[in-house]
Protein backbone atom coordinates (compact mmCIF):
# COMPACT_ATOMS: atom_id res chain seq x y z
CA MET A 1 118.71 64.80 63.48
CA PRO A 2 120.26 61.96 65.10
CA PHE A 3 117.97 58.69 65.44
CA THR A 4 117.05 57.96 69.19
CA SER A 5 115.15 55.29 70.97
CA THR A 6 111.98 57.66 71.32
CA ASN A 7 111.88 58.15 67.41
CA LYS A 8 112.20 54.24 67.01
CA SER A 9 109.20 53.62 69.33
CA ILE A 10 106.88 56.29 67.57
CA GLN A 11 107.95 54.55 64.32
CA CYS A 12 107.27 51.20 65.79
CA LYS A 13 103.55 52.39 67.01
CA LEU A 14 102.72 53.87 63.62
CA SER A 15 103.79 50.71 61.90
CA VAL A 16 101.51 48.82 64.37
CA ASN A 17 98.54 51.06 63.59
CA ARG A 18 98.84 50.71 60.00
CA HIS A 19 98.78 47.14 59.68
CA GLY A 20 96.03 45.93 62.28
CA LEU A 21 92.17 46.05 63.53
CA THR A 22 91.11 46.53 67.17
CA VAL A 23 88.71 44.08 68.46
CA LEU A 24 86.05 46.37 68.25
CA GLU A 25 86.72 47.26 64.70
CA LEU A 26 86.84 43.36 63.85
CA LEU A 27 83.35 42.89 65.68
CA VAL A 28 81.82 45.73 63.78
CA THR A 29 83.03 44.27 60.57
CA LEU A 30 81.83 40.79 61.50
CA SER A 31 78.18 42.14 62.51
CA MET A 32 77.89 43.89 59.18
CA ILE A 33 78.75 40.90 57.33
CA GLY A 34 76.18 38.88 59.40
CA VAL A 35 73.56 41.57 58.55
CA LEU A 36 74.33 41.64 54.93
CA LEU A 37 74.25 37.74 54.69
CA ALA A 38 70.85 37.79 56.64
CA LEU A 39 69.47 40.21 54.12
CA LEU A 40 71.12 38.56 50.88
CA LEU A 41 70.47 34.87 51.80
CA PRO A 42 66.60 34.98 51.87
CA ALA A 43 66.49 37.02 48.74
CA MET A 44 68.80 34.66 46.97
CA GLY A 45 66.56 31.66 48.28
CA ALA A 46 63.57 33.34 47.04
CA ALA A 47 65.00 33.88 43.61
CA ARG A 48 65.94 30.29 43.23
CA GLU A 49 62.81 29.16 44.13
CA SER A 50 61.10 31.44 41.66
CA ALA A 51 63.40 30.00 38.96
CA ARG A 52 62.49 26.52 39.82
CA ARG A 53 58.78 27.18 40.16
CA VAL A 54 58.97 28.83 36.52
CA GLN A 55 60.48 25.48 35.45
CA CYS A 56 58.13 23.49 37.05
CA VAL A 57 55.50 25.32 35.00
CA GLU A 58 57.23 24.77 31.90
CA HIS A 59 57.34 21.04 32.65
CA LEU A 60 53.46 20.88 33.21
CA ARG A 61 52.93 22.89 30.04
CA GLU A 62 55.13 20.34 27.83
CA VAL A 63 52.73 17.65 29.48
CA GLY A 64 49.85 19.68 28.43
CA LEU A 65 51.08 19.96 24.96
CA ALA A 66 51.57 16.28 24.88
CA LEU A 67 47.92 15.54 25.97
CA GLN A 68 46.63 17.88 23.30
CA ASN A 69 48.74 16.13 20.78
CA HIS A 70 47.56 12.71 22.14
CA ASP A 71 43.87 13.63 21.79
CA ILE A 72 44.35 15.13 18.22
CA ALA A 73 46.11 11.80 17.09
CA LEU A 74 43.71 9.35 18.94
CA ASN A 75 40.67 11.32 19.78
CA HIS A 76 40.85 10.56 23.77
CA LEU A 77 43.17 11.13 26.58
CA PRO A 78 45.49 8.42 27.80
CA ILE A 79 43.80 5.95 30.05
CA GLY A 80 44.90 6.44 33.65
CA TRP A 81 46.23 3.22 34.13
CA LYS A 82 45.84 0.01 32.11
CA PHE A 83 46.41 -3.55 33.02
CA ASP A 84 48.97 -5.74 31.14
CA PRO A 85 47.18 -9.19 30.12
CA SER A 86 48.20 -10.67 33.34
CA ASN A 87 46.12 -8.41 35.02
CA ARG A 88 48.80 -8.07 37.87
CA THR A 89 50.72 -4.78 36.56
CA ALA A 90 49.42 -1.64 35.10
CA PHE A 91 51.04 0.95 32.97
CA GLY A 92 50.36 4.54 34.00
CA TRP A 93 48.79 7.37 31.43
CA ALA A 94 52.33 9.09 30.97
CA VAL A 95 53.52 5.85 29.22
CA ARG A 96 51.45 6.57 26.34
CA LEU A 97 52.50 10.34 26.08
CA LEU A 98 56.15 9.31 25.64
CA PRO A 99 56.15 9.70 21.84
CA TYR A 100 54.57 13.22 22.51
CA LEU A 101 57.32 14.04 24.88
CA GLU A 102 60.33 13.54 22.49
CA GLN A 103 60.96 10.16 24.07
CA PRO A 104 60.28 8.01 20.94
CA ALA A 105 63.08 5.25 21.75
CA LEU A 106 61.97 4.87 25.35
CA ALA A 107 58.45 4.45 24.04
CA GLU A 108 59.75 1.61 21.75
CA GLN A 109 61.33 -0.02 24.89
CA ILE A 110 58.18 -0.64 26.44
CA LYS A 111 56.08 -3.59 25.67
CA LEU A 112 52.58 -3.14 27.01
CA ASP A 113 51.81 -6.78 26.46
CA LYS A 114 54.29 -7.48 29.22
CA ALA A 115 54.22 -6.70 32.76
CA VAL A 116 55.91 -3.79 34.35
CA ASP A 117 58.28 -5.67 36.16
CA ASP A 118 59.53 -7.98 33.14
CA PRO A 119 63.38 -7.74 32.33
CA VAL A 120 62.46 -6.09 29.12
CA HIS A 121 61.57 -2.99 31.16
CA ALA A 122 64.86 -2.93 33.26
CA LEU A 123 66.01 0.17 31.49
CA ALA A 124 62.68 1.79 31.67
CA ARG A 125 62.32 1.23 35.58
CA ARG A 126 65.63 3.28 36.12
CA THR A 127 64.83 6.10 33.49
CA SER A 128 64.00 9.22 35.37
CA LEU A 129 62.23 11.91 33.17
CA GLU A 130 63.06 15.36 33.84
CA VAL A 131 59.66 16.75 32.43
CA MET A 132 57.86 14.56 34.97
CA LEU A 133 59.92 16.15 37.90
CA CYS A 134 59.53 19.38 39.81
CA PRO A 135 62.71 20.97 40.55
CA SER A 136 61.82 22.28 43.91
CA ASP A 137 61.14 18.78 45.12
CA ILE A 138 63.85 16.50 46.87
CA THR A 139 63.54 13.41 44.75
CA ASP A 140 65.29 10.20 44.28
CA PRO A 141 65.41 8.99 40.65
CA THR A 142 63.79 5.68 41.52
CA PHE A 143 62.09 4.17 44.53
CA ILE A 144 61.05 0.77 45.62
CA LEU A 145 57.45 -0.16 45.69
CA PHE A 146 56.57 -2.65 48.49
CA LYS A 147 53.72 -5.19 48.76
CA GLU A 148 50.69 -3.95 50.63
CA VAL A 149 50.91 -5.73 53.81
CA GLU A 150 48.42 -8.18 54.77
CA VAL A 151 47.96 -10.65 57.54
CA GLY A 152 49.85 -13.94 56.63
CA ASP A 153 52.20 -12.21 54.47
CA GLU A 154 55.72 -13.77 54.59
CA VAL A 155 58.31 -11.26 55.55
CA GLU A 156 61.37 -10.93 53.21
CA THR A 157 62.56 -7.72 54.53
CA THR A 158 62.31 -6.13 58.16
CA ALA A 159 62.48 -2.48 59.19
CA THR A 160 62.61 -1.57 62.83
CA VAL A 161 60.92 1.44 63.92
CA SER A 162 62.30 2.92 67.23
CA ASN A 163 63.68 -0.33 67.89
CA THR A 164 60.71 -2.06 69.07
CA THR A 165 57.97 -2.40 66.41
CA ALA A 166 58.92 -4.46 63.38
CA THR A 167 57.13 -3.68 60.18
CA PRO A 168 57.13 -6.25 57.20
CA LEU A 169 58.31 -4.84 54.03
CA ILE A 170 58.12 -7.15 50.77
CA PRO A 171 59.70 -5.29 47.93
CA LEU A 172 57.97 -5.76 44.39
CA THR A 173 59.79 -3.70 41.96
CA GLU A 174 62.00 -0.69 41.44
CA LEU A 175 60.18 2.36 39.68
CA PRO A 176 61.46 5.72 38.47
CA THR A 177 60.21 8.67 40.36
CA ALA A 178 57.60 11.38 39.01
CA ASN A 179 55.98 14.39 40.52
CA TYR A 180 53.18 14.98 38.27
CA VAL A 181 50.07 12.87 38.71
CA GLY A 182 46.85 12.53 36.88
CA VAL A 183 43.61 13.78 38.42
CA PHE A 184 41.57 10.92 39.49
CA GLY A 185 38.83 13.31 41.02
CA THR A 186 37.32 13.48 44.46
CA ILE A 187 37.37 10.00 45.26
CA GLU A 188 40.42 7.91 46.62
CA PRO A 189 41.48 5.68 43.79
CA ASP A 190 43.09 2.86 46.08
CA ASP A 191 40.34 2.35 48.40
CA HIS A 192 39.90 -1.01 46.90
CA VAL A 193 40.79 -3.37 43.93
CA PRO A 194 39.53 -2.89 41.46
CA ALA A 195 39.48 1.06 42.06
CA PRO A 196 36.29 3.01 42.27
CA ILE A 197 34.83 4.63 39.11
CA GLY A 198 36.51 8.25 39.58
CA ASP A 199 35.13 11.43 38.40
CA GLY A 200 38.25 12.92 37.06
CA ALA A 201 40.32 12.94 33.77
CA PHE A 202 42.44 9.82 34.63
CA LEU A 203 40.63 6.47 35.59
CA GLU A 204 41.42 2.51 35.56
CA ASN A 205 40.95 1.09 32.28
CA ARG A 206 38.79 3.62 31.12
CA VAL A 207 39.02 6.33 28.23
CA THR A 208 38.11 10.00 28.63
CA ARG A 209 37.98 12.60 26.01
CA PHE A 210 38.10 16.58 26.09
CA ARG A 211 34.46 16.67 25.04
CA ASP A 212 33.72 14.89 28.35
CA PHE A 213 34.48 18.06 30.23
CA GLN A 214 31.34 19.67 31.31
CA ARG A 215 32.84 22.46 33.38
CA GLY A 216 34.91 23.52 30.39
CA LEU A 217 38.62 22.66 29.70
CA SER A 218 39.89 25.91 31.30
CA GLN A 219 37.94 25.08 34.48
CA THR A 220 39.03 21.44 35.04
CA PHE A 221 42.45 19.99 36.23
CA VAL A 222 44.08 17.13 34.59
CA VAL A 223 47.42 16.93 36.28
CA GLY A 224 48.73 18.08 39.49
CA GLU A 225 51.98 18.19 41.68
CA ARG A 226 52.80 15.96 44.55
CA THR A 227 55.92 15.75 46.64
CA MET A 228 57.95 12.60 47.00
CA ALA A 229 57.76 12.82 50.86
CA GLN A 230 53.84 12.52 50.88
CA VAL A 231 54.22 9.36 48.49
CA PRO A 232 56.59 8.30 45.86
CA SER A 233 54.73 8.53 42.55
CA THR A 234 55.95 7.22 39.08
CA TRP A 235 55.46 7.89 35.36
CA LEU A 236 55.77 4.10 34.41
CA GLY A 237 53.20 1.88 36.22
CA VAL A 238 52.64 -0.20 39.25
CA ASP A 239 51.91 -3.57 40.55
CA ILE A 240 48.53 -3.58 41.90
CA HIS A 241 49.59 -5.61 45.01
CA GLY A 242 51.73 -2.72 45.86
CA GLU A 243 50.99 -0.42 48.73
CA ASP A 244 48.78 2.77 47.72
CA ALA A 245 49.33 1.32 44.19
CA ALA A 246 46.96 3.59 42.20
CA ALA A 247 48.29 6.65 44.11
CA ARG A 248 51.32 6.27 42.52
CA ILE A 249 49.87 7.37 39.19
CA VAL A 250 46.88 9.39 39.85
CA GLY A 251 45.95 11.90 42.76
CA ALA A 252 42.49 13.23 44.44
CA THR A 253 40.90 16.43 45.59
CA LEU A 254 40.36 15.16 49.24
CA GLU A 255 41.68 17.24 51.94
CA GLY A 256 43.34 20.21 50.32
CA ILE A 257 46.83 21.24 48.88
CA ASN A 258 49.54 20.90 51.37
CA ASN A 259 47.35 19.80 54.05
CA PRO A 260 49.22 18.09 56.85
CA LEU A 261 46.24 15.60 57.62
CA ALA A 262 45.97 14.96 53.84
CA ASP A 263 45.74 11.24 52.43
CA GLU A 264 48.62 9.99 50.33
CA CYS A 265 46.56 10.75 47.15
CA ASP A 266 46.15 14.55 47.73
CA PHE A 267 48.16 16.98 45.76
CA SER A 268 51.11 18.74 47.45
CA SER A 269 54.30 20.64 46.61
CA ARG A 270 57.32 22.39 47.89
CA HIS A 271 56.41 25.68 46.51
CA PRO A 272 55.29 27.84 49.51
CA GLY A 273 51.64 28.31 49.65
CA GLY A 274 50.30 26.03 46.99
CA ALA A 275 51.07 23.84 44.01
CA SER A 276 50.87 24.09 40.26
CA PHE A 277 48.06 22.55 38.39
CA LEU A 278 47.65 21.69 34.58
CA TRP A 279 44.01 22.56 33.19
CA GLY A 280 42.38 20.68 30.42
CA ASP A 281 42.91 23.63 28.06
CA GLY A 282 46.87 23.43 28.50
CA HIS A 283 47.34 26.29 30.81
CA VAL A 284 49.09 26.19 33.85
CA SER A 285 48.45 28.18 37.22
CA PHE A 286 49.49 27.97 40.76
CA VAL A 287 46.65 27.16 43.13
CA SER A 288 46.71 28.46 46.53
CA GLN A 289 46.31 26.11 49.41
CA GLN A 290 43.77 28.42 50.92
CA ILE A 291 41.21 27.65 48.00
CA ASP A 292 37.85 26.84 48.99
CA LEU A 293 37.48 23.07 49.36
CA ILE A 294 34.26 22.95 47.53
CA GLU A 295 35.50 24.70 44.63
CA TYR A 296 38.84 22.86 44.86
CA ARG A 297 36.90 19.52 44.57
CA ARG A 298 34.63 20.81 41.91
CA SER A 299 37.52 21.69 39.74
CA SER A 300 38.53 18.20 39.57
CA GLN A 301 35.54 16.81 38.35
CA LEU A 302 34.56 16.30 34.59
CA ARG A 303 31.02 16.70 35.02
CA VAL A 304 28.75 19.13 36.70
CA HIS A 305 26.86 17.87 39.75
């Protein structure tokens, strides 16, 4: 059969049909991809958050085991924060846990008879400890502790808010970030200097022991989470003249978990619906932000009232 122009036209049409998509087919394909992504992405995000929460629990369990070993060795818990001989800076409770957190070399670098901001502690001030961080939080390895602003302070650094209000910021020292803070109790720890006597496990210049837990070890918080966005916290220590100094090391059960009106001392997390807490007996549980406030506060107190 001779090859005609009609045959050539049919062949071209068939060729075009085999190698292309219509606009409708393309739109349907894109719609299906969009639906699949809408279904898969939240599930993938939830799975990642679930894994991060498990890791957060494991970190707190390591801290709990270290506290148990500290108590076995010394018959008491670490002091919440203890001042150096100058009474200007104080080391936090986690410093004394370093040998029990597989950080003996770091522990040897820290000299408790010198100030937190002494040059000998330069490396420690830049050392971020993974075991003290929640993987769900958005954190920087370190932060700057600024001086509590008082009338008459000489301004060294000025930050401008909305280009109209100048807020004086006087830097004191750089500190390593942490998400886990000791429980001070139901009282705000940085109301004044010296701090009030708290009713929780970690206090200023005071020792507590597991035998002091009148509610029982399994019924009392010892360590909880806090996000960096609420207030940057640290495992190392603070200058007592720093802004919210004590709140960088310990926390209080004031307004509830993840409460938008909470004080900087309160506990919070990026886990949906609550935060993880370490209890006196070493177990870790996720505490709902809907917990009854009275029971929540009782869980942070060593003694029954």
